N, C-alpha and C. Protein backbone atom coordinates (compact mmCIF):
# COMPACT_ATOMS: atom_id res chain seq x y z
N UNK A 1 21.45 7.11 -30.96
CA UNK A 1 21.39 5.42 -31.26
C UNK A 1 20.31 5.41 -32.50
N UNK A 2 20.32 5.31 -33.56
CA UNK A 2 19.46 4.76 -34.37
C UNK A 2 18.11 4.15 -34.08
N UNK A 3 16.80 4.05 -34.63
CA UNK A 3 15.66 3.35 -34.02
C UNK A 3 15.28 2.29 -33.50
N UNK A 4 16.22 1.43 -34.92
CA UNK A 4 16.40 0.14 -34.89
C UNK A 4 17.25 -0.62 -33.56
N UNK A 5 18.25 -0.09 -33.42
CA UNK A 5 19.06 -0.30 -32.40
C UNK A 5 18.56 -0.14 -30.99
N UNK A 6 17.61 1.05 -31.10
CA UNK A 6 17.19 1.46 -29.64
C UNK A 6 16.06 0.03 -29.33
N UNK A 7 15.22 -0.20 -30.17
CA UNK A 7 14.27 -1.20 -30.14
C UNK A 7 14.55 -2.55 -29.77
N UNK A 8 16.16 -2.94 -30.40
CA UNK A 8 16.76 -4.13 -30.36
C UNK A 8 17.49 -4.10 -28.75
N UNK A 9 17.65 -3.10 -28.32
CA UNK A 9 18.46 -2.71 -26.94
C UNK A 9 17.35 -2.87 -26.06
N UNK A 10 15.90 -2.17 -26.24
CA UNK A 10 15.14 -2.15 -25.54
C UNK A 10 14.37 -3.87 -25.06
N UNK A 11 14.49 -4.82 -26.38
CA UNK A 11 13.95 -5.81 -26.24
C UNK A 11 14.77 -7.08 -25.66
N UNK A 12 16.22 -6.64 -25.75
CA UNK A 12 17.24 -7.33 -24.98
C UNK A 12 17.28 -7.25 -23.62
N UNK A 13 17.00 -5.87 -23.34
CA UNK A 13 16.65 -5.52 -21.60
C UNK A 13 15.88 -5.96 -21.37
N UNK A 14 14.25 -6.22 -21.92
CA UNK A 14 13.26 -6.96 -21.27
C UNK A 14 13.74 -8.90 -21.28
N UNK A 15 14.06 -8.87 -22.39
CA UNK A 15 14.41 -10.54 -22.30
C UNK A 15 15.36 -10.83 -21.12
N UNK A 16 16.00 -10.14 -21.10
CA UNK A 16 17.02 -10.54 -20.12
C UNK A 16 16.62 -10.06 -18.41
N UNK A 17 16.11 -9.36 -18.44
CA UNK A 17 15.03 -9.14 -17.00
C UNK A 17 14.09 -10.40 -16.80
N UNK A 18 13.20 -10.64 -17.88
CA UNK A 18 12.38 -11.97 -17.70
C UNK A 18 13.44 -13.05 -17.15
N UNK A 19 14.38 -13.41 -18.19
CA UNK A 19 15.52 -14.55 -17.77
C UNK A 19 15.81 -14.75 -16.40
N UNK A 20 16.25 -13.12 -15.62
CA UNK A 20 16.71 -13.20 -14.42
C UNK A 20 15.59 -13.72 -13.24
N UNK A 21 14.33 -13.72 -13.86
CA UNK A 21 12.99 -13.94 -12.57
C UNK A 21 13.63 -15.53 -12.17
N UNK A 22 12.91 -15.90 -10.98
CA UNK A 22 13.07 -17.32 -10.85
C UNK A 22 11.97 -18.02 -11.53
N UNK A 23 12.30 -19.21 -11.98
CA UNK A 23 10.89 -19.82 -12.69
C UNK A 23 9.54 -19.70 -11.85
N UNK A 24 8.70 -19.48 -12.60
CA UNK A 24 7.56 -19.23 -12.20
C UNK A 24 6.94 -17.90 -11.67
N UNK A 25 7.72 -17.23 -11.56
CA UNK A 25 7.71 -15.68 -11.06
C UNK A 25 7.40 -14.98 -12.38
N UNK A 26 6.80 -13.87 -11.63
CA UNK A 26 6.30 -12.75 -13.12
C UNK A 26 6.71 -11.57 -12.57
N UNK A 27 6.99 -10.58 -13.75
CA UNK A 27 7.51 -9.27 -13.36
C UNK A 27 6.31 -8.60 -12.46
N UNK A 28 6.44 -7.60 -11.41
CA UNK A 28 5.49 -6.99 -11.03
C UNK A 28 4.68 -6.07 -12.19
N UNK A 29 3.22 -5.90 -11.89
CA UNK A 29 2.11 -5.54 -12.57
C UNK A 29 1.80 -3.91 -12.15
N UNK A 30 1.94 -3.05 -13.13
CA UNK A 30 1.59 -1.49 -12.66
C UNK A 30 0.21 -1.71 -12.57
N UNK A 31 -0.10 -1.45 -11.06
CA UNK A 31 -1.44 -1.20 -10.46
C UNK A 31 -2.28 0.05 -10.44
N UNK A 32 -1.26 1.12 -11.14
CA UNK A 32 -1.54 2.61 -10.64
C UNK A 32 -2.93 2.89 -11.61
N UNK A 33 -3.09 2.44 -12.76
CA UNK A 33 -4.40 2.64 -13.18
C UNK A 33 -5.67 1.85 -12.75
N UNK A 34 -5.55 0.82 -11.79
CA UNK A 34 -6.67 0.11 -11.61
C UNK A 34 -7.11 0.70 -10.17
N UNK A 35 -8.33 0.63 -9.96
CA UNK A 35 -8.85 1.08 -8.67
C UNK A 35 -9.63 0.13 -7.90
N UNK A 36 -9.93 0.34 -6.58
CA UNK A 36 -11.07 -0.33 -5.81
C UNK A 36 -10.40 -2.01 -5.87
N UNK A 37 -11.32 -2.95 -5.88
CA UNK A 37 -10.97 -4.30 -6.02
C UNK A 37 -9.91 -4.70 -6.72
N UNK A 38 -10.17 -4.17 -7.82
CA UNK A 38 -9.09 -4.68 -9.18
C UNK A 38 -7.64 -4.34 -8.87
N UNK A 39 -7.35 -2.95 -8.11
CA UNK A 39 -6.48 -2.56 -7.53
C UNK A 39 -5.80 -3.38 -6.44
N UNK A 40 -6.41 -4.04 -5.56
CA UNK A 40 -6.24 -4.89 -4.53
C UNK A 40 -5.93 -6.13 -4.89
N UNK A 41 -6.44 -6.97 -5.83
CA UNK A 41 -5.89 -7.86 -6.33
C UNK A 41 -4.77 -7.74 -7.07
N UNK A 42 -4.58 -6.86 -7.83
CA UNK A 42 -3.19 -6.43 -8.69
C UNK A 42 -2.08 -6.73 -7.61
N UNK A 43 -2.45 -6.01 -6.19
CA UNK A 43 -1.32 -5.59 -5.35
C UNK A 43 -0.75 -6.95 -4.76
N UNK A 44 -1.81 -7.81 -4.48
CA UNK A 44 -1.53 -9.14 -3.86
C UNK A 44 -0.81 -9.77 -4.78
N UNK A 45 -1.34 -9.96 -5.90
CA UNK A 45 -0.42 -10.93 -7.12
C UNK A 45 0.79 -10.10 -7.29
N UNK A 46 1.07 -8.93 -6.94
CA UNK A 46 2.87 -8.50 -6.84
C UNK A 46 3.61 -9.08 -5.92
N UNK A 47 2.46 -8.83 -4.75
CA UNK A 47 2.95 -9.72 -3.27
C UNK A 47 3.60 -11.15 -3.63
N UNK A 48 2.77 -11.74 -4.30
CA UNK A 48 2.99 -13.26 -4.54
C UNK A 48 4.37 -13.36 -5.49
N UNK A 49 4.10 -12.51 -6.30
CA UNK A 49 5.49 -12.62 -7.32
C UNK A 49 6.42 -12.47 -6.44
N UNK A 50 6.34 -11.39 -5.84
CA UNK A 50 7.43 -11.08 -4.78
C UNK A 50 8.16 -12.22 -3.77
N UNK A 51 6.98 -12.76 -3.41
CA UNK A 51 7.54 -14.30 -2.50
C UNK A 51 8.07 -15.24 -3.24
N UNK A 52 7.37 -15.32 -4.36
CA UNK A 52 8.16 -16.48 -5.02
C UNK A 52 9.59 -16.31 -5.54
N UNK A 53 9.55 -14.93 -5.74
CA UNK A 53 10.73 -14.42 -6.21
C UNK A 53 12.22 -14.68 -5.15
N UNK A 54 11.71 -14.44 -4.01
CA UNK A 54 12.04 -14.57 -2.87
C UNK A 54 12.45 -16.24 -2.09
N UNK A 55 11.76 -16.82 -2.74
CA UNK A 55 11.44 -18.37 -2.13
C UNK A 55 10.81 -18.84 -1.11
N UNK A 56 10.08 -17.50 -0.71
CA UNK A 56 9.35 -17.79 0.49
C UNK A 56 8.12 -18.29 0.24
N UNK A 57 7.91 -19.76 0.29
CA UNK A 57 6.94 -20.44 0.11
C UNK A 57 5.58 -20.01 0.95
N UNK A 58 6.06 -19.98 2.31
CA UNK A 58 4.87 -19.80 3.09
C UNK A 58 4.20 -18.37 3.03
N UNK A 59 4.70 -17.37 2.80
CA UNK A 59 4.45 -16.40 2.33
C UNK A 59 3.55 -15.97 1.21
N UNK A 60 4.19 -16.82 0.32
CA UNK A 60 3.08 -17.10 -1.21
C UNK A 60 1.96 -17.72 -0.58
N UNK A 61 2.11 -18.79 0.18
CA UNK A 61 0.74 -19.35 0.54
C UNK A 61 -0.38 -18.52 0.98
N UNK A 62 0.10 -17.90 1.90
CA UNK A 62 -0.69 -17.08 2.93
C UNK A 62 -0.97 -16.15 1.67
N UNK A 63 -0.55 -15.35 0.79
CA UNK A 63 -1.21 -14.15 0.02
C UNK A 63 -1.90 -14.89 -0.94
N UNK A 64 -1.43 -16.16 -1.34
CA UNK A 64 -2.69 -16.72 -2.31
C UNK A 64 -3.90 -16.94 -1.60
N UNK A 65 -4.02 -17.48 -0.35
CA UNK A 65 -4.97 -17.60 0.60
C UNK A 65 -5.91 -16.21 0.41
N UNK A 66 -5.04 -15.14 0.62
CA UNK A 66 -5.93 -13.56 0.90
C UNK A 66 -6.19 -13.46 -0.36
N UNK A 67 -5.50 -13.54 -1.46
CA UNK A 67 -6.14 -13.48 -2.81
C UNK A 67 -7.16 -14.09 -3.04
N UNK A 68 -7.38 -15.50 -2.83
CA UNK A 68 -8.88 -16.46 -2.88
C UNK A 68 -9.65 -15.40 -2.31
N UNK A 69 -9.64 -15.25 -1.04
CA UNK A 69 -10.72 -15.05 -0.18
C UNK A 69 -11.08 -13.32 -0.64
N UNK A 70 -10.05 -12.55 -1.05
CA UNK A 70 -10.45 -10.99 -1.46
C UNK A 70 -11.52 -11.40 -2.70
N UNK A 71 -11.11 -12.45 -3.70
CA UNK A 71 -11.78 -12.56 -4.85
C UNK A 71 -13.07 -13.00 -4.66
N UNK A 72 -13.33 -13.73 -3.70
CA UNK A 72 -14.71 -14.44 -3.39
C UNK A 72 -15.34 -13.18 -2.39
N UNK A 73 -14.97 -12.13 -1.89
CA UNK A 73 -15.88 -11.59 -0.75
C UNK A 73 -15.54 -9.98 -1.30
N UNK A 74 -14.59 -9.63 -2.36
CA UNK A 74 -14.38 -8.19 -2.29
C UNK A 74 -15.57 -7.59 -3.39
N UNK A 75 -16.04 -6.40 -3.09
CA UNK A 75 -16.82 -5.77 -3.90
C UNK A 75 -16.26 -4.05 -4.02
N UNK A 76 -16.53 -3.80 -4.88
CA UNK A 76 -16.28 -2.52 -5.01
C UNK A 76 -16.73 -1.43 -3.71
N UNK A 77 -18.23 -1.57 -3.67
CA UNK A 77 -18.89 -0.90 -2.88
C UNK A 77 -18.37 -1.26 -1.24
N UNK A 78 -18.04 -2.45 -0.65
CA UNK A 78 -17.89 -3.03 0.43
C UNK A 78 -16.32 -2.25 0.89
N UNK A 79 -15.27 -2.02 -0.14
CA UNK A 79 -14.28 -1.85 -0.21
C UNK A 79 -14.14 -0.24 0.07
N UNK A 80 -14.90 0.42 -0.53
CA UNK A 80 -14.87 1.71 -0.22
C UNK A 80 -15.50 2.09 1.31
N UNK A 81 -16.64 1.24 1.62
CA UNK A 81 -17.04 1.34 2.97
C UNK A 81 -15.96 1.52 4.03
N UNK A 82 -15.25 0.18 3.82
CA UNK A 82 -14.05 -0.29 4.81
C UNK A 82 -13.45 0.80 4.81
N UNK A 83 -12.63 1.35 3.77
CA UNK A 83 -11.68 2.52 3.34
C UNK A 83 -12.50 3.83 4.15
N UNK A 84 -13.77 4.41 4.02
CA UNK A 84 -14.07 5.02 4.48
C UNK A 84 -14.61 5.12 6.13
N UNK A 85 -14.69 3.94 6.65
CA UNK A 85 -14.49 3.65 8.03
C UNK A 85 -13.46 3.99 8.41
N UNK A 86 -12.24 3.49 8.07
CA UNK A 86 -10.95 3.93 8.12
C UNK A 86 -10.62 5.08 8.43
N UNK A 87 -11.02 6.22 7.71
CA UNK A 87 -11.13 7.48 7.65
C UNK A 87 -11.65 8.09 8.62
N UNK A 88 -12.75 7.51 8.76
CA UNK A 88 -13.72 8.13 10.37
C UNK A 88 -12.85 7.97 11.61
N UNK A 89 -12.10 6.54 11.71
CA UNK A 89 -10.97 6.01 12.79
C UNK A 89 -10.01 7.13 12.91
N UNK A 90 -9.59 7.36 11.72
CA UNK A 90 -8.34 8.10 11.56
C UNK A 90 -8.56 9.52 12.19
N UNK A 91 -9.59 10.08 11.47
CA UNK A 91 -9.92 11.55 12.23
C UNK A 91 -10.38 11.61 13.54
N UNK A 92 -10.99 10.74 14.26
CA UNK A 92 -11.13 10.59 15.70
C UNK A 92 -9.52 10.62 16.30
N UNK A 93 -8.96 9.97 15.73
CA UNK A 93 -7.44 9.75 16.12
C UNK A 93 -6.92 11.09 16.24
N UNK A 94 -7.01 11.89 15.11
CA UNK A 94 -6.44 13.21 15.19
C UNK A 94 -7.01 14.26 16.00
N UNK A 95 -8.25 14.02 16.23
CA UNK A 95 -9.09 14.88 16.91
C UNK A 95 -8.62 14.69 18.45
N UNK A 96 -8.17 13.52 18.80
CA UNK A 96 -7.83 13.24 20.33
C UNK A 96 -6.64 13.79 20.22
N UNK A 97 -5.61 13.40 19.38
CA UNK A 97 -4.33 13.88 19.48
C UNK A 97 -4.37 15.60 19.43
N UNK A 98 -4.99 16.30 18.98
CA UNK A 98 -5.38 17.60 19.17
C UNK A 98 -5.58 18.28 20.35
N UNK A 99 -6.68 17.28 21.12
CA UNK A 99 -6.95 17.86 22.43
C UNK A 99 -5.78 17.38 23.28
N UNK A 100 -4.82 16.12 23.03
CA UNK A 100 -3.68 16.10 23.95
C UNK A 100 -2.83 17.03 23.97
N UNK A 101 -2.48 17.70 22.54
CA UNK A 101 -1.84 18.76 22.43
C UNK A 101 -2.33 20.03 22.97
N UNK A 102 -3.40 20.57 23.09
CA UNK A 102 -3.88 21.72 23.73
C UNK A 102 -3.78 21.37 25.35
N UNK A 103 -3.95 20.04 25.74
CA UNK A 103 -3.71 20.19 27.15
C UNK A 103 -2.21 19.90 27.71
N UNK A 104 -1.12 19.77 26.54
CA UNK A 104 0.01 19.79 26.82
C UNK A 104 0.73 21.10 27.07
N UNK A 105 -0.37 22.07 26.20
CA UNK A 105 0.20 23.47 26.05
C UNK A 105 -0.36 24.18 27.42
N UNK A 106 -1.66 23.69 28.02
CA UNK A 106 -2.23 24.54 28.90
C UNK A 106 -0.92 24.28 30.23
N UNK A 107 -0.47 22.88 29.93
CA UNK A 107 0.45 22.55 31.03
C UNK A 107 1.61 23.15 31.07
N UNK A 108 2.27 23.58 29.87
CA UNK A 108 3.26 24.26 29.75
C UNK A 108 4.72 23.55 29.58
N UNK A 109 4.39 22.16 29.65
CA UNK A 109 5.58 21.53 29.98
C UNK A 109 6.07 21.01 28.13
N UNK A 110 7.49 21.73 27.99
CA UNK A 110 7.86 21.59 26.57
C UNK A 110 7.87 19.87 26.09
N UNK A 111 8.21 19.02 26.84
CA UNK A 111 8.54 17.60 26.78
C UNK A 111 7.33 17.18 26.19
N UNK A 112 6.18 17.39 27.16
CA UNK A 112 4.85 16.82 27.09
C UNK A 112 4.37 17.23 25.38
N UNK A 113 4.61 18.81 25.10
CA UNK A 113 4.14 19.50 23.92
C UNK A 113 4.91 18.69 22.85
N UNK A 114 6.23 18.62 23.01
CA UNK A 114 6.77 17.98 21.86
C UNK A 114 6.17 16.54 21.40
N UNK A 115 6.28 15.57 22.43
CA UNK A 115 5.55 14.51 22.25
C UNK A 115 3.85 14.56 21.72
N UNK A 116 3.29 15.35 22.03
CA UNK A 116 2.17 15.30 21.66
C UNK A 116 1.93 16.17 20.20
N UNK A 117 2.91 16.86 19.85
CA UNK A 117 3.10 17.20 18.40
C UNK A 117 3.67 16.11 17.34
N UNK A 118 4.25 14.92 17.93
CA UNK A 118 5.02 13.77 17.36
C UNK A 118 3.74 12.84 17.13
N UNK A 119 3.13 12.90 18.23
CA UNK A 119 1.75 11.75 17.95
C UNK A 119 0.83 12.42 16.99
N UNK A 120 0.62 13.57 17.10
CA UNK A 120 -0.52 14.57 16.22
C UNK A 120 0.05 14.35 15.04
N UNK A 121 1.29 14.52 14.47
CA UNK A 121 1.95 14.47 13.13
C UNK A 121 1.82 13.11 12.50
N UNK A 122 1.89 11.89 13.60
CA UNK A 122 1.69 10.55 12.97
C UNK A 122 0.36 10.30 12.88
N UNK A 123 -0.73 11.04 13.64
CA UNK A 123 -2.17 10.54 13.37
C UNK A 123 -2.55 11.41 12.07
N UNK A 124 -1.79 12.79 11.71
CA UNK A 124 -2.40 13.27 10.68
C UNK A 124 -1.72 12.31 9.20
N UNK A 125 -0.52 12.00 9.44
CA UNK A 125 0.05 11.29 8.27
C UNK A 125 -0.24 9.69 8.12
N UNK A 126 -1.24 9.17 9.15
CA UNK A 126 -2.02 7.94 9.07
C UNK A 126 -3.28 8.36 8.47
N UNK A 127 -3.77 9.66 8.70
CA UNK A 127 -5.08 10.00 8.11
C UNK A 127 -5.02 10.21 6.67
N UNK A 128 -3.82 10.87 6.28
CA UNK A 128 -3.76 10.94 4.83
C UNK A 128 -3.59 9.80 4.08
N UNK A 129 -2.85 8.65 4.81
CA UNK A 129 -2.37 7.82 4.04
C UNK A 129 -4.05 6.84 3.80
N UNK A 130 -5.08 6.91 4.92
CA UNK A 130 -6.24 6.21 4.29
C UNK A 130 -7.01 6.86 3.60
N UNK A 131 -6.88 8.30 3.39
CA UNK A 131 -7.54 9.19 2.25
C UNK A 131 -6.94 8.90 0.76
N UNK A 132 -5.43 8.67 1.03
CA UNK A 132 -4.93 8.10 -0.17
C UNK A 132 -5.09 6.49 -0.72
N UNK A 133 -5.56 5.81 0.68
CA UNK A 133 -6.25 4.73 0.05
C UNK A 133 -7.51 4.52 -0.23
N UNK A 134 -8.36 5.60 -0.31
CA UNK A 134 -9.92 5.56 -0.63
C UNK A 134 -9.45 5.83 -2.34
N UNK A 135 -8.58 6.82 -2.67
CA UNK A 135 -8.38 6.77 -4.18
C UNK A 135 -7.89 5.96 -4.93
N UNK A 136 -7.32 4.72 -4.16
CA UNK A 136 -6.77 3.56 -5.12
C UNK A 136 -7.93 2.54 -5.60
């Protein structure tokens, strides 16, 4: 496809996508390049747009309140501290789950070992999510 036809096709696709959104709704923003409070605001704004698109006025109102509060109180340093606290809590959880697994292995009951392994995996996944959140 020649370049002019491709750009016309791309423009048509963008116009069509925008036309399909409900009145007042905006397409989701790409928040991946943003960090800290700016990323938090961007994600809340995307959630607001999604609530508008779904016609969920109660969720939209709640998200608008959340955005207002976040804009009034969020600082990059406070957000980073909250996220570091969350990581510390998740690490404690992983340690507790490792101790439970060790105890289950001492008891030798496979059903308890399997359950402890599942809980440990879940705690490790939660820790990874918290660590990933710190990088956002």
